[in-house]
Amino acid sequence: MKKLGLIAGAGGLPAEIADHCRKAGRPYFVIRLKGIADDATLGHPGEAVGLAELGKTFKALKREKCEAVCFAGLVHRPDFSALKPDIRGMAALPGIIAAARHGDDALLRRVLEEFSREGFVIEGVHEAVGAMTLPLGLLGKHAPAAEHKADIERALEVAKAIGQLDVGQGAVVCDGLVLAVEAQEGTDAMLRRVAELPVALRGQPGAFKGVIAKAPKPIQELRVDLPTIGVATIRGAAKAGLAGVVGEAGRLLIVDREAVIATADEFGLFVLGVEHKAP
């Protein structure tokens, strides 16, 4: 079992992965990105490192004898001019900035190259903690009705289409009408926009309809940036009047799985994993 170096961004996902490693007996070490990682990772062995301090990061991982690394948590595209790189980071930064001009996925792949060059195996969260991905079928006690089938198919189609353009990972569809697509604002903000639309266009508590779908971009680096849902996603979908959440089985991460199931059951929403169909 390779010792895991966990590169921790924002949100609850890094702490959940660290908890899993601790319970499973897998050795691990957390690189907490300064000003980004949540305090929930502070109870785990680790070190705080600046976003552009690649030299310090590699030195810590090698000192701790980490053989694999896993990137988890939200990291927004930085203001490159405001970064304070160390010598190793300074050497890598021009290539990373050049890659960023071709989109977020190109940027992420370039960052992974730096870690691979240092000899680290890159593990996706779905590889490090397979139980965190959406299973095939229903998650929870509620199921979609027949009238939701067309919206599910349409929402997945739109999510994949915007992914092809490197725009985002999510889409909301109600009665066949596309209510929103996700861009840089993220899923929670997209759902808040839907909640502000006229009720005539969407469902409402007690009369839910429509769905949110999330799918990886076709060009996406799945080891770093799988779509993710959590309790906030379920609450946001309910507030927007949606009937459920859908994603591709094995290709969508669930943060705090039991709480997600409990929240969906409480609000009466379905959470559905469908089979991935390669283009």
Protein backbone atom coordinates (compact mmCIF):
# COMPACT_ATOMS: atom_id res chain seq x y z
CA MET A 1 0.00 0.00 0.00
CA LYS A 2 1.69 3.19 -1.21
CA LYS A 3 1.86 6.06 1.25
CA LEU A 4 -0.46 8.76 -0.02
CA GLY A 5 0.36 12.44 -0.24
CA LEU A 6 -2.97 14.28 -0.15
CA ILE A 7 -2.91 17.74 -1.77
CA ALA A 8 -5.76 19.46 0.06
CA GLY A 9 -7.84 22.28 -1.36
CA ALA A 10 -11.08 23.75 0.00
CA GLY A 11 -14.19 21.89 1.08
CA GLY A 12 -14.85 18.74 3.06
CA LEU A 13 -13.48 16.22 0.55
CA PRO A 14 -9.81 16.27 1.67
CA ALA A 15 -10.71 15.64 5.31
CA GLU A 16 -13.02 12.80 4.30
CA ILE A 17 -10.23 11.15 2.29
CA ALA A 18 -7.80 11.60 5.19
CA ASP A 19 -10.36 10.06 7.58
CA HIS A 20 -10.76 7.12 5.21
CA CYS A 21 -7.00 6.56 5.06
CA ARG A 22 -6.75 6.66 8.84
CA LYS A 23 -9.58 4.14 9.27
CA ALA A 24 -8.25 1.87 6.52
CA GLY A 25 -4.74 1.93 7.96
CA ARG A 26 -3.25 3.49 4.86
CA PRO A 27 -0.25 5.75 5.61
CA TYR A 28 -0.79 9.32 4.42
CA PHE A 29 0.42 12.89 4.72
CA VAL A 30 -1.56 16.05 3.96
CA ILE A 31 -0.21 19.02 2.04
CA ARG A 32 -2.55 21.81 3.16
CA LEU A 33 -2.64 24.61 0.58
CA LYS A 34 -2.25 27.88 2.51
CA GLY A 35 -5.31 30.07 2.56
CA ILE A 36 -7.31 27.39 0.72
CA ALA A 37 -7.52 24.14 2.72
CA ASP A 38 -10.19 23.92 5.42
CA ASP A 39 -9.34 23.58 9.10
CA ALA A 40 -10.86 20.09 9.09
CA THR A 41 -7.53 18.72 7.84
CA LEU A 42 -5.59 20.15 10.80
CA GLY A 43 -6.12 17.01 12.86
CA HIS A 44 -4.18 14.94 10.34
CA PRO A 45 -0.41 14.67 9.83
CA GLY A 46 0.62 17.30 7.34
CA GLU A 47 2.21 20.60 6.46
CA ALA A 48 0.96 23.95 5.14
CA VAL A 49 2.43 24.93 1.77
CA GLY A 50 1.84 27.84 -0.56
CA LEU A 51 0.14 27.16 -3.87
CA ALA A 52 3.30 27.85 -5.92
CA GLU A 53 5.80 26.33 -3.49
CA LEU A 54 6.45 23.19 -5.52
CA GLY A 55 9.93 22.69 -4.12
CA LYS A 56 8.66 22.73 -0.54
CA THR A 57 5.83 20.38 -1.53
CA PHE A 58 8.10 17.83 -3.20
CA LYS A 59 10.61 17.99 -0.36
CA ALA A 60 7.88 17.32 2.24
CA LEU A 61 6.35 14.45 0.26
CA LYS A 62 9.72 12.77 -0.27
CA ARG A 63 10.76 13.30 3.35
CA GLU A 64 7.54 11.57 4.41
CA LYS A 65 8.20 8.77 1.88
CA CYS A 66 4.97 9.35 -0.05
CA GLU A 67 4.90 7.39 -3.30
CA ALA A 68 1.45 8.44 -4.57
CA VAL A 69 -0.38 11.75 -4.55
CA CYS A 70 -4.06 12.58 -4.68
CA PHE A 71 -5.51 16.03 -5.38
CA ALA A 72 -8.76 16.81 -3.59
CA GLY A 73 -10.82 19.88 -2.84
CA LEU A 74 -11.62 23.08 -4.64
CA VAL A 75 -8.85 25.33 -5.93
CA HIS A 76 -9.91 28.31 -8.02
CA ARG A 77 -7.65 29.48 -10.81
CA PRO A 78 -5.21 31.83 -9.07
CA ASP A 79 -4.00 35.29 -9.96
CA PHE A 80 -0.64 34.12 -11.25
CA SER A 81 0.93 37.54 -10.71
CA ALA A 82 0.15 37.34 -6.99
CA LEU A 83 1.74 33.93 -6.43
CA LYS A 84 4.97 33.60 -4.44
CA PRO A 85 6.77 30.62 -5.94
CA ASP A 86 9.91 29.02 -4.55
CA ILE A 87 12.77 28.15 -6.92
CA ARG A 88 11.14 24.91 -8.13
CA GLY A 89 7.79 26.65 -8.52
CA MET A 90 9.43 29.49 -10.43
CA ALA A 91 10.85 27.01 -12.93
CA ALA A 92 7.46 25.38 -13.49
CA LEU A 93 5.30 28.51 -13.52
CA PRO A 94 5.87 29.67 -17.15
CA GLY A 95 4.73 26.27 -18.48
CA ILE A 96 1.73 26.21 -16.16
CA ILE A 97 0.68 29.74 -17.19
CA ALA A 98 1.05 28.81 -20.87
CA ALA A 99 -1.09 25.71 -20.35
CA ALA A 100 -3.74 27.76 -18.52
CA ARG A 101 -4.38 29.72 -21.72
CA HIS A 102 -5.81 26.50 -23.18
CA GLY A 103 -8.29 25.95 -20.35
CA ASP A 104 -8.49 24.53 -16.85
CA ASP A 105 -7.99 20.95 -17.96
CA ALA A 106 -4.77 21.79 -19.77
CA LEU A 107 -3.60 23.63 -16.65
CA LEU A 108 -4.35 20.63 -14.43
CA ARG A 109 -2.59 18.22 -16.77
CA ARG A 110 0.48 20.45 -16.72
CA VAL A 111 0.53 20.47 -12.91
CA LEU A 112 0.25 16.67 -12.87
CA GLU A 113 3.23 16.45 -15.19
CA GLU A 114 5.36 18.23 -12.58
CA PHE A 115 4.43 15.64 -9.94
CA SER A 116 4.95 12.74 -12.35
CA ARG A 117 8.43 14.05 -13.21
CA GLU A 118 9.28 13.85 -9.53
CA GLY A 119 8.35 10.17 -9.55
CA PHE A 120 4.94 10.28 -7.86
CA VAL A 121 2.06 8.06 -8.93
CA ILE A 122 -1.11 10.13 -9.42
CA GLU A 123 -4.26 8.64 -7.88
CA GLY A 124 -7.72 9.99 -8.49
CA VAL A 125 -10.07 10.21 -5.53
CA HIS A 126 -12.12 7.45 -7.16
CA GLU A 127 -8.99 5.28 -7.06
CA ALA A 128 -7.89 6.22 -3.55
CA VAL A 129 -11.41 5.92 -2.10
CA GLY A 130 -13.60 4.03 -4.54
CA ALA A 131 -16.56 3.96 -2.16
CA MET A 132 -16.95 7.74 -2.56
CA THR A 133 -18.25 7.55 -6.13
CA LEU A 134 -21.89 7.40 -7.18
CA PRO A 135 -23.06 3.80 -7.65
CA LEU A 136 -25.23 2.58 -10.50
CA GLY A 137 -28.91 2.97 -9.68
CA LEU A 138 -30.61 4.76 -6.81
CA LEU A 139 -28.90 6.25 -3.78
CA GLY A 140 -31.62 6.65 -1.15
CA LYS A 141 -35.29 5.72 -1.01
CA HIS A 142 -36.78 8.00 -3.66
CA ALA A 143 -36.93 7.12 -7.36
CA PRO A 144 -37.58 9.22 -10.46
CA ALA A 145 -41.04 9.05 -11.96
CA ALA A 146 -41.73 8.36 -15.63
CA GLU A 147 -42.07 12.08 -16.36
CA HIS A 148 -38.49 12.68 -15.18
CA LYS A 149 -36.90 10.36 -17.77
CA ALA A 150 -36.75 12.92 -20.59
CA ASP A 151 -35.32 15.61 -18.31
CA ILE A 152 -32.65 13.20 -17.03
CA GLU A 153 -31.55 12.36 -20.57
CA ARG A 154 -31.64 16.00 -21.68
CA ALA A 155 -29.72 17.28 -18.64
CA LEU A 156 -26.97 14.71 -19.12
CA GLU A 157 -26.81 15.56 -22.82
CA VAL A 158 -26.41 19.27 -22.07
CA ALA A 159 -23.86 18.67 -19.29
CA LYS A 160 -21.73 16.63 -21.68
CA ALA A 161 -22.12 19.22 -24.44
CA ILE A 162 -20.85 22.12 -22.32
CA GLY A 163 -18.09 19.84 -21.08
CA GLN A 164 -16.99 19.30 -24.66
CA LEU A 165 -16.49 23.08 -24.85
CA ASP A 166 -14.60 23.10 -21.50
CA VAL A 167 -17.31 25.30 -19.94
CA GLY A 168 -18.52 23.34 -16.91
CA GLN A 169 -19.85 20.07 -15.56
CA GLY A 170 -23.50 20.63 -14.70
CA ALA A 171 -26.85 21.49 -16.25
CA VAL A 172 -30.42 21.95 -14.99
CA VAL A 173 -33.38 20.93 -17.14
CA CYS A 174 -37.09 21.16 -16.33
CA ASP A 175 -39.88 20.06 -18.67
CA GLY A 176 -37.31 19.84 -21.45
CA LEU A 177 -36.20 23.45 -20.98
CA VAL A 178 -32.57 24.17 -20.08
CA LEU A 179 -32.77 26.45 -17.03
CA ALA A 180 -29.06 26.79 -16.35
CA VAL A 181 -25.60 25.51 -17.19
CA GLU A 182 -22.61 25.59 -14.88
CA ALA A 183 -19.60 27.74 -15.66
CA GLN A 184 -16.94 29.19 -13.35
CA GLU A 185 -19.44 30.10 -10.63
CA GLY A 186 -19.85 26.45 -9.58
CA THR A 187 -22.81 24.20 -8.84
CA ASP A 188 -24.11 25.95 -5.72
CA ALA A 189 -24.28 29.35 -7.42
CA MET A 190 -25.95 27.81 -10.47
CA LEU A 191 -28.66 26.28 -8.28
CA ARG A 192 -29.21 29.62 -6.55
CA ARG A 193 -29.80 31.19 -9.97
CA VAL A 194 -32.39 28.52 -10.76
CA ALA A 195 -34.11 29.16 -7.41
CA GLU A 196 -34.58 32.80 -8.42
CA LEU A 197 -36.36 31.94 -11.67
CA PRO A 198 -40.15 32.26 -11.89
CA VAL A 199 -41.98 29.28 -10.44
CA ALA A 200 -43.71 28.84 -13.78
CA LEU A 201 -40.37 27.65 -15.20
CA ARG A 202 -39.36 25.28 -12.41
CA GLY A 203 -40.71 23.15 -9.61
CA GLN A 204 -41.21 24.16 -6.02
CA PRO A 205 -41.32 22.42 -2.63
CA GLY A 206 -44.27 20.06 -2.65
CA ALA A 207 -44.30 19.96 -6.45
CA PHE A 208 -40.73 19.14 -7.44
CA LYS A 209 -39.85 18.73 -11.11
CA GLY A 210 -36.73 18.93 -13.25
CA VAL A 211 -33.23 17.63 -12.54
CA ILE A 212 -29.63 18.67 -12.20
CA ALA A 213 -27.08 16.49 -13.98
CA LYS A 214 -23.32 16.50 -13.54
CA ALA A 215 -20.86 14.79 -15.86
CA PRO A 216 -17.10 14.92 -16.45
CA LYS A 217 -15.87 16.88 -19.44
CA PRO A 218 -14.81 14.53 -22.25
CA ILE A 219 -11.30 16.03 -22.12
CA GLN A 220 -11.22 16.09 -18.34
CA GLU A 221 -8.35 14.80 -16.21
CA LEU A 222 -10.40 12.41 -14.07
CA ARG A 223 -7.60 11.93 -11.55
CA VAL A 224 -7.96 15.53 -10.42
CA ASP A 225 -11.34 17.01 -11.22
CA LEU A 226 -14.24 14.57 -11.08
CA PRO A 227 -17.66 16.22 -10.63
CA THR A 228 -18.70 16.32 -6.98
CA ILE A 229 -21.94 16.57 -5.03
CA GLY A 230 -22.56 17.01 -1.32
CA VAL A 231 -25.27 18.02 1.12
CA ALA A 232 -25.20 21.59 -0.23
CA THR A 233 -26.02 20.23 -3.69
CA ILE A 234 -29.09 18.42 -2.40
CA ARG A 235 -30.28 21.42 -0.40
CA GLY A 236 -29.69 23.72 -3.36
CA ALA A 237 -31.59 21.42 -5.70
CA ALA A 238 -34.51 21.24 -3.28
CA LYS A 239 -34.62 25.02 -2.90
CA ALA A 240 -34.63 25.32 -6.69
CA GLY A 241 -37.64 22.99 -6.83
CA LEU A 242 -35.82 20.15 -8.56
CA ALA A 243 -36.88 16.54 -8.25
CA GLY A 244 -33.47 14.95 -8.32
CA VAL A 245 -29.77 14.75 -9.02
CA VAL A 246 -28.24 12.50 -11.65
CA GLY A 247 -24.70 11.56 -12.62
CA GLU A 248 -22.66 8.81 -14.24
CA ALA A 249 -21.91 5.85 -11.99
CA GLY A 250 -18.27 5.76 -10.92
CA ARG A 251 -17.66 9.23 -12.39
CA LEU A 252 -19.19 11.50 -9.74
CA LEU A 253 -17.88 11.93 -6.19
CA ILE A 254 -20.11 12.11 -3.15
CA VAL A 255 -18.85 14.06 -0.15
CA ASP A 256 -20.36 12.86 3.16
CA ARG A 257 -22.34 10.05 1.53
CA GLU A 258 -24.58 9.18 4.48
CA ALA A 259 -25.56 12.81 5.02
CA VAL A 260 -26.30 13.19 1.30
CA ILE A 261 -28.62 10.16 1.41
CA ALA A 262 -30.34 11.40 4.57
CA THR A 263 -30.84 14.89 3.16
CA ALA A 264 -32.21 13.60 -0.16
CA ASP A 265 -34.58 11.27 1.70
CA GLU A 266 -35.69 14.13 3.94
CA PHE A 267 -36.50 16.47 1.05
CA GLY A 268 -37.93 13.73 -1.18
CA LEU A 269 -35.31 14.02 -3.93
CA PHE A 270 -33.88 11.14 -5.90
CA VAL A 271 -30.15 10.65 -6.50
CA LEU A 272 -29.51 8.46 -9.52
CA GLY A 273 -26.39 6.93 -11.05
CA VAL A 274 -26.64 6.00 -14.72
CA GLU A 275 -24.26 3.99 -16.86
CA HIS A 276 -21.50 5.89 -18.61
CA LYS A 277 -21.73 5.57 -22.38
CA ALA A 278 -18.55 6.31 -24.26
CA PRO A 279 -19.03 8.60 -27.27
